[in-house]
């Protein structure tokens, strides 16, 4: 069953359009960063597959990078979980992940990826005792994506990619 849209008036719809919601924008931007890095990993490791990879949806792109042995099972699992959450944002105008959902993502990300600057651990600390994701500091979600991108960029570099220039 599709979740009910919680928009009851055109004014509410208008506010949703112009609000510049940090939660939505940080999640969508982070998702796009992951996708960008996955494509760069393919481009470097299997240049003949780049046109094919660029035509894949996010889920299939994750599967391809996994199939090429560039990410492990736990990393694949969290990237798919993030993609599912992104899909909820993309297809449900008023979607907002619950605190338990965010905790699951952060916990699994902290297991699957190296927490280079402790952003995942700090994010988990910041959500403790919260009842809503809106009670969390705005940096928690972007920082999660930063940590994941550090890891994916590390894979890119291990394949011979430059530390700075793509």
N, C-alpha and C. Protein backbone atom coordinates (compact mmCIF):
# COMPACT_ATOMS: atom_id res chain seq x y z
N UNK A 1 0.84 -1.19 0.00
CA UNK A 1 0.00 0.00 0.00
C UNK A 1 0.88 1.24 0.00
N UNK A 2 0.57 2.15 -0.87
CA UNK A 2 1.34 3.39 -0.97
C UNK A 2 1.04 4.29 0.24
N UNK A 3 2.09 4.89 0.85
CA UNK A 3 1.84 5.77 1.99
C UNK A 3 0.98 6.97 1.60
N UNK A 4 0.17 7.40 2.53
CA UNK A 4 -0.71 8.54 2.29
C UNK A 4 0.10 9.82 2.24
N UNK A 5 -0.19 10.64 1.26
CA UNK A 5 0.44 11.96 1.16
C UNK A 5 -0.22 12.87 2.19
N UNK A 6 0.59 13.54 2.97
CA UNK A 6 0.06 14.37 4.05
C UNK A 6 -0.12 15.83 3.63
N UNK A 7 -0.43 16.06 2.39
CA UNK A 7 -0.67 17.40 1.87
C UNK A 7 -2.18 17.56 1.72
N UNK A 8 -2.73 18.51 2.43
CA UNK A 8 -4.18 18.67 2.41
C UNK A 8 -4.64 19.93 1.66
N UNK A 9 -3.72 20.88 1.43
CA UNK A 9 -4.10 22.11 0.75
C UNK A 9 -3.03 22.50 -0.26
N UNK A 10 -3.43 23.35 -1.20
CA UNK A 10 -2.45 23.84 -2.17
C UNK A 10 -1.38 24.67 -1.46
N UNK A 11 -1.75 25.38 -0.42
CA UNK A 11 -0.77 26.17 0.34
C UNK A 11 0.31 25.27 0.94
N UNK A 12 -0.08 24.12 1.46
CA UNK A 12 0.90 23.17 1.99
C UNK A 12 1.80 22.66 0.88
N UNK A 13 1.22 22.39 -0.29
CA UNK A 13 2.00 21.94 -1.43
C UNK A 13 3.00 23.02 -1.84
N UNK A 14 2.54 24.26 -1.86
CA UNK A 14 3.41 25.39 -2.19
C UNK A 14 4.57 25.47 -1.19
N UNK A 15 4.28 25.38 0.08
CA UNK A 15 5.33 25.43 1.11
C UNK A 15 6.33 24.30 0.95
N UNK A 16 5.87 23.13 0.58
CA UNK A 16 6.75 22.00 0.34
C UNK A 16 7.69 22.32 -0.83
N UNK A 17 7.17 22.98 -1.83
CA UNK A 17 7.94 23.31 -3.02
C UNK A 17 9.05 24.32 -2.73
N UNK A 18 8.78 25.31 -1.89
CA UNK A 18 9.74 26.40 -1.68
C UNK A 18 10.51 26.31 -0.36
N UNK A 19 10.26 25.28 0.42
CA UNK A 19 10.84 25.23 1.77
C UNK A 19 12.34 25.01 1.80
N UNK A 20 12.92 24.41 0.77
CA UNK A 20 14.35 24.14 0.79
C UNK A 20 14.72 23.18 1.93
N UNK A 21 13.97 22.13 2.09
CA UNK A 21 14.14 21.18 3.17
C UNK A 21 15.54 20.57 3.18
N UNK A 22 16.28 20.77 4.26
CA UNK A 22 17.65 20.26 4.37
C UNK A 22 17.67 18.73 4.34
N UNK A 23 16.67 18.10 4.91
CA UNK A 23 16.64 16.65 4.98
C UNK A 23 16.58 16.05 3.58
N UNK A 24 15.65 16.50 2.80
CA UNK A 24 15.50 16.02 1.42
C UNK A 24 16.74 16.35 0.59
N UNK A 25 17.18 17.58 0.66
CA UNK A 25 18.30 17.99 -0.19
C UNK A 25 19.59 17.28 0.20
N UNK A 26 19.84 17.08 1.48
CA UNK A 26 21.07 16.41 1.87
C UNK A 26 21.03 14.93 1.49
N UNK A 27 19.88 14.31 1.58
CA UNK A 27 19.78 12.90 1.21
C UNK A 27 19.91 12.72 -0.31
N UNK A 28 19.24 13.56 -1.07
CA UNK A 28 19.31 13.45 -2.52
C UNK A 28 20.72 13.76 -3.02
N UNK A 29 21.33 14.79 -2.48
CA UNK A 29 22.69 15.14 -2.89
C UNK A 29 23.66 14.02 -2.54
N UNK A 30 23.55 13.47 -1.34
CA UNK A 30 24.42 12.37 -0.94
C UNK A 30 24.27 11.17 -1.85
N UNK A 31 23.05 10.86 -2.21
CA UNK A 31 22.76 9.75 -3.12
C UNK A 31 23.44 9.99 -4.48
N UNK A 32 23.35 11.21 -4.98
CA UNK A 32 23.99 11.55 -6.26
C UNK A 32 25.51 11.46 -6.18
N UNK A 33 26.09 11.83 -5.04
CA UNK A 33 27.54 11.71 -4.84
C UNK A 33 27.95 10.24 -4.91
N UNK A 34 27.19 9.38 -4.23
CA UNK A 34 27.49 7.94 -4.29
C UNK A 34 27.42 7.45 -5.73
N UNK A 35 26.37 7.83 -6.44
CA UNK A 35 26.23 7.39 -7.82
C UNK A 35 27.40 7.87 -8.68
N UNK A 36 27.80 9.11 -8.51
CA UNK A 36 28.93 9.67 -9.24
C UNK A 36 30.19 8.83 -9.01
N UNK A 37 30.47 8.52 -7.75
CA UNK A 37 31.68 7.76 -7.43
C UNK A 37 31.61 6.32 -7.94
N UNK A 38 30.44 5.72 -7.88
CA UNK A 38 30.30 4.36 -8.44
C UNK A 38 30.60 4.36 -9.93
N UNK A 39 30.11 5.35 -10.65
CA UNK A 39 30.38 5.45 -12.08
C UNK A 39 31.87 5.68 -12.32
N UNK A 40 32.50 6.51 -11.50
CA UNK A 40 33.94 6.76 -11.65
C UNK A 40 34.76 5.49 -11.40
N UNK A 41 34.31 4.67 -10.46
CA UNK A 41 34.98 3.40 -10.19
C UNK A 41 34.89 2.50 -11.42
N UNK A 42 33.73 2.44 -12.04
CA UNK A 42 33.54 1.66 -13.26
C UNK A 42 34.40 2.23 -14.38
N UNK A 43 34.35 3.54 -14.54
CA UNK A 43 35.09 4.20 -15.62
C UNK A 43 36.59 3.87 -15.54
N UNK A 44 37.12 3.84 -14.35
CA UNK A 44 38.54 3.57 -14.16
C UNK A 44 38.88 2.08 -14.29
N UNK A 45 38.03 1.24 -13.70
CA UNK A 45 38.35 -0.19 -13.67
C UNK A 45 37.95 -0.93 -14.94
N UNK A 46 36.86 -0.51 -15.55
CA UNK A 46 36.33 -1.18 -16.75
C UNK A 46 35.86 -0.14 -17.76
N UNK A 47 36.77 0.58 -18.39
CA UNK A 47 36.37 1.68 -19.28
C UNK A 47 35.39 1.26 -20.39
N UNK A 48 35.45 0.01 -20.82
CA UNK A 48 34.54 -0.45 -21.87
C UNK A 48 33.09 -0.54 -21.38
N UNK A 49 32.90 -0.55 -20.06
CA UNK A 49 31.55 -0.65 -19.50
C UNK A 49 30.93 0.70 -19.16
N UNK A 50 31.64 1.80 -19.41
CA UNK A 50 31.15 3.10 -18.94
C UNK A 50 29.80 3.48 -19.56
N UNK A 51 29.62 3.28 -20.86
CA UNK A 51 28.33 3.62 -21.47
C UNK A 51 27.22 2.77 -20.88
N UNK A 52 27.50 1.50 -20.69
CA UNK A 52 26.54 0.59 -20.06
C UNK A 52 26.22 1.05 -18.64
N UNK A 53 27.25 1.36 -17.86
CA UNK A 53 27.07 1.76 -16.46
C UNK A 53 26.27 3.05 -16.34
N UNK A 54 26.53 4.00 -17.21
CA UNK A 54 25.81 5.27 -17.14
C UNK A 54 24.33 5.12 -17.45
N UNK A 55 23.94 4.02 -18.09
CA UNK A 55 22.53 3.77 -18.39
C UNK A 55 21.79 2.98 -17.33
N UNK A 56 22.52 2.54 -16.31
CA UNK A 56 21.91 1.72 -15.26
C UNK A 56 21.21 2.58 -14.21
N UNK A 57 20.18 2.01 -13.59
CA UNK A 57 19.62 2.67 -12.42
C UNK A 57 20.58 2.46 -11.26
N UNK A 58 20.33 3.14 -10.18
CA UNK A 58 21.26 3.14 -9.03
C UNK A 58 21.45 1.73 -8.47
N UNK A 59 20.37 1.00 -8.30
CA UNK A 59 20.45 -0.35 -7.76
C UNK A 59 21.34 -1.24 -8.62
N UNK A 60 21.13 -1.20 -9.93
CA UNK A 60 21.92 -2.04 -10.83
C UNK A 60 23.38 -1.58 -10.89
N UNK A 61 23.61 -0.29 -10.71
CA UNK A 61 24.98 0.22 -10.65
C UNK A 61 25.70 -0.34 -9.42
N UNK A 62 25.02 -0.37 -8.30
CA UNK A 62 25.59 -0.97 -7.08
C UNK A 62 25.91 -2.44 -7.35
N UNK A 63 24.98 -3.15 -7.93
CA UNK A 63 25.19 -4.56 -8.24
C UNK A 63 26.39 -4.77 -9.17
N UNK A 64 26.55 -3.89 -10.15
CA UNK A 64 27.68 -4.00 -11.07
C UNK A 64 29.01 -3.79 -10.33
N UNK A 65 29.09 -2.76 -9.51
CA UNK A 65 30.33 -2.49 -8.77
C UNK A 65 30.61 -3.65 -7.81
N UNK A 66 29.58 -4.21 -7.22
CA UNK A 66 29.75 -5.39 -6.36
C UNK A 66 30.23 -6.58 -7.20
N UNK A 67 29.61 -6.81 -8.33
CA UNK A 67 29.97 -7.92 -9.20
C UNK A 67 31.41 -7.84 -9.70
N UNK A 68 31.92 -6.62 -9.79
CA UNK A 68 33.31 -6.42 -10.20
C UNK A 68 34.27 -6.48 -9.00
N UNK A 69 33.72 -6.82 -7.83
CA UNK A 69 34.49 -6.99 -6.59
C UNK A 69 35.15 -5.72 -6.08
N UNK A 70 34.50 -4.59 -6.30
CA UNK A 70 35.05 -3.34 -5.78
C UNK A 70 34.44 -2.95 -4.43
N UNK A 71 33.27 -3.49 -4.13
CA UNK A 71 32.67 -3.32 -2.81
C UNK A 71 32.30 -4.70 -2.29
N UNK A 72 32.22 -4.81 -0.97
CA UNK A 72 31.87 -6.11 -0.38
C UNK A 72 30.36 -6.18 -0.10
N UNK A 73 29.94 -7.32 0.42
CA UNK A 73 28.51 -7.56 0.67
C UNK A 73 27.89 -6.53 1.63
N UNK A 74 28.61 -6.19 2.70
CA UNK A 74 28.08 -5.22 3.67
C UNK A 74 27.96 -3.83 3.05
N UNK A 75 28.93 -3.46 2.25
CA UNK A 75 28.87 -2.16 1.59
C UNK A 75 27.71 -2.14 0.59
N UNK A 76 27.57 -3.22 -0.15
CA UNK A 76 26.44 -3.32 -1.10
C UNK A 76 25.12 -3.19 -0.35
N UNK A 77 25.00 -3.88 0.78
CA UNK A 77 23.76 -3.86 1.55
C UNK A 77 23.39 -2.45 2.00
N UNK A 78 24.35 -1.68 2.51
CA UNK A 78 24.03 -0.34 2.98
C UNK A 78 23.75 0.60 1.82
N UNK A 79 24.46 0.44 0.72
CA UNK A 79 24.18 1.29 -0.44
C UNK A 79 22.78 1.01 -0.98
N UNK A 80 22.35 -0.23 -0.96
CA UNK A 80 20.99 -0.56 -1.39
C UNK A 80 19.96 0.00 -0.40
N UNK A 81 20.25 -0.08 0.89
CA UNK A 81 19.35 0.49 1.89
C UNK A 81 19.22 2.01 1.70
N UNK A 82 20.33 2.67 1.45
CA UNK A 82 20.29 4.12 1.18
C UNK A 82 19.47 4.39 -0.08
N UNK A 83 19.64 3.57 -1.10
CA UNK A 83 18.88 3.75 -2.33
C UNK A 83 17.38 3.57 -2.09
N UNK A 84 17.02 2.59 -1.28
CA UNK A 84 15.59 2.40 -0.95
C UNK A 84 15.02 3.63 -0.25
N UNK A 85 15.80 4.17 0.66
CA UNK A 85 15.35 5.36 1.39
C UNK A 85 15.23 6.54 0.43
N UNK A 86 16.19 6.68 -0.46
CA UNK A 86 16.13 7.75 -1.46
C UNK A 86 14.89 7.59 -2.34
N UNK A 87 14.56 6.35 -2.67
CA UNK A 87 13.36 6.12 -3.48
C UNK A 87 12.10 6.55 -2.75
N UNK A 88 12.09 6.38 -1.45
CA UNK A 88 10.93 6.84 -0.67
C UNK A 88 10.81 8.36 -0.75
N UNK A 89 11.95 9.05 -0.64
CA UNK A 89 11.93 10.51 -0.81
C UNK A 89 11.44 10.89 -2.20
N UNK A 90 11.90 10.16 -3.21
CA UNK A 90 11.60 10.50 -4.59
C UNK A 90 10.15 10.24 -4.98
N UNK A 91 9.49 9.32 -4.28
CA UNK A 91 8.14 8.94 -4.70
C UNK A 91 7.06 9.25 -3.68
N UNK A 92 7.44 9.88 -2.58
CA UNK A 92 6.46 10.24 -1.55
C UNK A 92 6.81 11.65 -1.08
N UNK A 93 6.03 12.60 -1.52
CA UNK A 93 6.32 14.01 -1.30
C UNK A 93 6.57 14.37 0.16
N UNK A 94 5.88 13.73 1.07
CA UNK A 94 6.00 14.10 2.48
C UNK A 94 6.78 13.07 3.29
N UNK A 95 7.55 12.22 2.62
CA UNK A 95 8.30 11.17 3.32
C UNK A 95 9.34 11.77 4.26
N UNK A 96 9.42 11.16 5.42
CA UNK A 96 10.45 11.52 6.39
C UNK A 96 10.84 10.25 7.12
N UNK A 97 12.12 9.86 7.02
CA UNK A 97 12.53 8.63 7.72
C UNK A 97 12.37 8.77 9.22
N UNK A 98 12.02 7.68 9.86
CA UNK A 98 11.94 7.67 11.31
C UNK A 98 13.33 7.59 11.92
N UNK A 99 13.42 7.87 13.18
CA UNK A 99 14.71 7.86 13.86
C UNK A 99 15.31 6.46 13.86
N UNK A 100 14.47 5.43 13.95
CA UNK A 100 14.96 4.04 13.91
C UNK A 100 15.56 3.72 12.54
N UNK A 101 14.92 4.21 11.48
CA UNK A 101 15.45 4.00 10.13
C UNK A 101 16.81 4.67 9.97
N UNK A 102 16.94 5.90 10.46
CA UNK A 102 18.21 6.60 10.39
C UNK A 102 19.27 5.87 11.23
N UNK A 103 18.88 5.40 12.40
CA UNK A 103 19.82 4.66 13.24
C UNK A 103 20.29 3.38 12.54
N UNK A 104 19.38 2.68 11.88
CA UNK A 104 19.77 1.47 11.15
C UNK A 104 20.77 1.79 10.04
N UNK A 105 20.51 2.86 9.30
CA UNK A 105 21.41 3.24 8.21
C UNK A 105 22.79 3.60 8.77
N UNK A 106 22.82 4.43 9.80
CA UNK A 106 24.10 4.84 10.38
C UNK A 106 24.85 3.66 10.98
N UNK A 107 24.14 2.78 11.66
CA UNK A 107 24.78 1.62 12.27
C UNK A 107 25.38 0.72 11.20
N UNK A 108 24.61 0.41 10.17
CA UNK A 108 25.11 -0.46 9.11
C UNK A 108 26.25 0.22 8.34
N UNK A 109 26.15 1.52 8.13
CA UNK A 109 27.23 2.24 7.45
C UNK A 109 28.51 2.21 8.28
N UNK A 110 28.38 2.31 9.60
CA UNK A 110 29.57 2.30 10.46
C UNK A 110 30.24 0.93 10.48
N UNK A 111 29.48 -0.12 10.19
CA UNK A 111 30.04 -1.47 10.11
C UNK A 111 30.67 -1.70 8.74
N UNK A 112 30.02 -1.21 7.69
CA UNK A 112 30.46 -1.49 6.32
C UNK A 112 31.61 -0.60 5.84
N UNK A 113 31.68 0.61 6.36
CA UNK A 113 32.66 1.57 5.86
C UNK A 113 33.57 2.06 6.98
N UNK A 114 34.78 2.43 6.59
CA UNK A 114 35.73 3.03 7.52
C UNK A 114 35.22 4.43 7.88
N UNK A 115 35.11 4.70 9.16
CA UNK A 115 34.61 5.99 9.65
C UNK A 115 35.79 6.95 9.78
N UNK A 116 36.27 7.43 8.66
CA UNK A 116 37.51 8.17 8.54
C UNK A 116 37.65 9.31 9.56
N UNK A 117 36.64 10.12 9.71
CA UNK A 117 36.72 11.26 10.64
C UNK A 117 35.67 11.16 11.74
N UNK A 118 35.25 9.96 12.05
CA UNK A 118 34.29 9.68 13.13
C UNK A 118 32.91 10.30 12.92
N UNK A 119 32.57 10.63 11.69
CA UNK A 119 31.26 11.22 11.41
C UNK A 119 30.10 10.28 11.66
N UNK A 120 30.30 8.98 11.38
CA UNK A 120 29.22 8.02 11.61
C UNK A 120 29.02 7.80 13.11
N UNK A 121 30.11 7.65 13.82
CA UNK A 121 30.03 7.47 15.28
C UNK A 121 29.40 8.70 15.94
N UNK A 122 29.82 9.87 15.50
CA UNK A 122 29.25 11.10 16.07
C UNK A 122 27.76 11.23 15.72
N UNK A 123 27.40 10.84 14.49
CA UNK A 123 25.99 10.88 14.09
C UNK A 123 25.15 9.95 14.94
N UNK A 124 25.66 8.74 15.19
CA UNK A 124 24.94 7.81 16.06
C UNK A 124 24.78 8.39 17.46
N UNK A 125 25.80 9.07 17.95
CA UNK A 125 25.71 9.70 19.26
C UNK A 125 24.67 10.80 19.30
N UNK A 126 24.58 11.55 18.21
CA UNK A 126 23.63 12.68 18.16
C UNK A 126 22.17 12.25 18.05
N UNK A 127 21.91 11.05 17.55
CA UNK A 127 20.52 10.64 17.41
C UNK A 127 20.00 9.90 18.65
N UNK A 128 20.90 9.51 19.54
CA UNK A 128 20.48 8.82 20.77
C UNK A 128 19.47 9.67 21.54
N UNK A 129 18.38 9.04 21.92
CA UNK A 129 17.37 9.72 22.73
C UNK A 129 16.43 10.61 21.95
N UNK A 130 16.64 10.73 20.65
CA UNK A 130 15.77 11.58 19.83
C UNK A 130 14.54 10.79 19.41
N UNK A 131 13.43 11.47 19.28
CA UNK A 131 12.18 10.84 18.85
C UNK A 131 11.92 11.09 17.36
N UNK A 132 12.54 12.12 16.81
CA UNK A 132 12.30 12.51 15.42
C UNK A 132 13.63 12.87 14.77
N UNK A 133 13.71 12.62 13.50
CA UNK A 133 14.90 12.98 12.74
C UNK A 133 15.08 14.50 12.73
N UNK A 134 13.99 15.24 12.87
CA UNK A 134 14.06 16.71 12.88
C UNK A 134 14.72 17.25 14.15
N UNK A 135 14.85 16.43 15.17
CA UNK A 135 15.53 16.83 16.40
C UNK A 135 17.05 16.72 16.27
N UNK A 136 17.51 16.06 15.23
CA UNK A 136 18.95 15.83 15.03
C UNK A 136 19.60 17.05 14.39
N UNK A 137 20.89 17.20 14.64
CA UNK A 137 21.65 18.26 13.98
C UNK A 137 21.62 18.04 12.47
N UNK A 138 21.58 19.14 11.72
CA UNK A 138 21.47 19.06 10.27
C UNK A 138 22.67 18.39 9.61
N UNK A 139 23.80 18.30 10.28
CA UNK A 139 25.01 17.73 9.68
C UNK A 139 25.02 16.20 9.70
N UNK A 140 24.13 15.56 10.44
CA UNK A 140 24.20 14.11 10.63
C UNK A 140 24.11 13.36 9.30
N UNK A 141 23.14 13.67 8.47
CA UNK A 141 22.97 12.95 7.21
C UNK A 141 24.07 13.31 6.21
N UNK A 142 24.37 14.59 5.98
CA UNK A 142 25.48 14.88 5.06
C UNK A 142 26.80 14.23 5.50
N UNK A 143 27.05 14.20 6.78
CA UNK A 143 28.30 13.60 7.27
C UNK A 143 28.34 12.10 7.00
N UNK A 144 27.20 11.44 7.08
CA UNK A 144 27.14 10.03 6.73
C UNK A 144 27.60 9.83 5.28
N UNK A 145 27.08 10.68 4.39
CA UNK A 145 27.45 10.57 2.99
C UNK A 145 28.91 10.94 2.76
N UNK A 146 29.44 11.86 3.53
CA UNK A 146 30.86 12.20 3.43
C UNK A 146 31.71 10.99 3.76
N UNK A 147 31.37 10.28 4.83
CA UNK A 147 32.15 9.11 5.22
C UNK A 147 32.09 8.02 4.15
N UNK A 148 30.92 7.79 3.59
CA UNK A 148 30.78 6.79 2.53
C UNK A 148 31.57 7.24 1.29
N UNK A 149 31.50 8.53 0.97
CA UNK A 149 32.23 9.01 -0.20
C UNK A 149 33.74 8.91 -0.01
N UNK A 150 34.23 9.13 1.21
CA UNK A 150 35.66 8.92 1.47
C UNK A 150 36.06 7.49 1.12
N UNK A 151 35.23 6.54 1.51
CA UNK A 151 35.51 5.14 1.24
C UNK A 151 35.46 4.82 -0.25
N UNK A 152 34.44 5.29 -0.94
CA UNK A 152 34.34 5.04 -2.38
C UNK A 152 35.46 5.74 -3.13
N UNK A 153 35.83 6.92 -2.69
CA UNK A 153 36.95 7.62 -3.30
C UNK A 153 38.25 6.86 -3.05
N UNK A 154 38.36 6.23 -1.90
CA UNK A 154 39.52 5.38 -1.61
C UNK A 154 39.61 4.21 -2.58
N UNK A 155 38.47 3.61 -2.90
CA UNK A 155 38.44 2.52 -3.88
C UNK A 155 38.90 3.05 -5.23
N UNK A 156 38.39 4.21 -5.60
CA UNK A 156 38.78 4.86 -6.85
C UNK A 156 40.29 5.07 -6.90
N UNK A 157 40.85 5.56 -5.81
CA UNK A 157 42.30 5.79 -5.76
C UNK A 157 43.07 4.47 -5.82
N UNK A 158 42.58 3.45 -5.12
CA UNK A 158 43.24 2.14 -5.16
C UNK A 158 43.30 1.57 -6.57
N UNK A 159 42.33 1.98 -7.40
CA UNK A 159 42.30 1.51 -8.78
C UNK A 159 43.19 2.36 -9.70
N UNK A 160 43.86 3.35 -9.10
CA UNK A 160 44.77 4.21 -9.87
C UNK A 160 44.28 5.61 -10.09
N UNK A 161 43.12 5.95 -9.55
CA UNK A 161 42.58 7.30 -9.71
C UNK A 161 43.36 8.31 -8.88
N UNK A 162 43.36 9.54 -9.34
CA UNK A 162 44.06 10.62 -8.65
C UNK A 162 43.32 11.00 -7.37
N UNK A 163 44.06 11.46 -6.39
CA UNK A 163 43.47 11.85 -5.11
C UNK A 163 42.54 13.06 -5.27
N UNK A 164 42.81 13.92 -6.23
CA UNK A 164 42.03 15.14 -6.37
C UNK A 164 41.25 15.18 -7.69
N UNK A 165 41.91 14.96 -8.79
CA UNK A 165 41.29 15.16 -10.11
C UNK A 165 40.65 13.89 -10.64
N UNK A 166 39.42 14.05 -11.17
CA UNK A 166 38.75 12.93 -11.82
C UNK A 166 39.09 13.00 -13.29
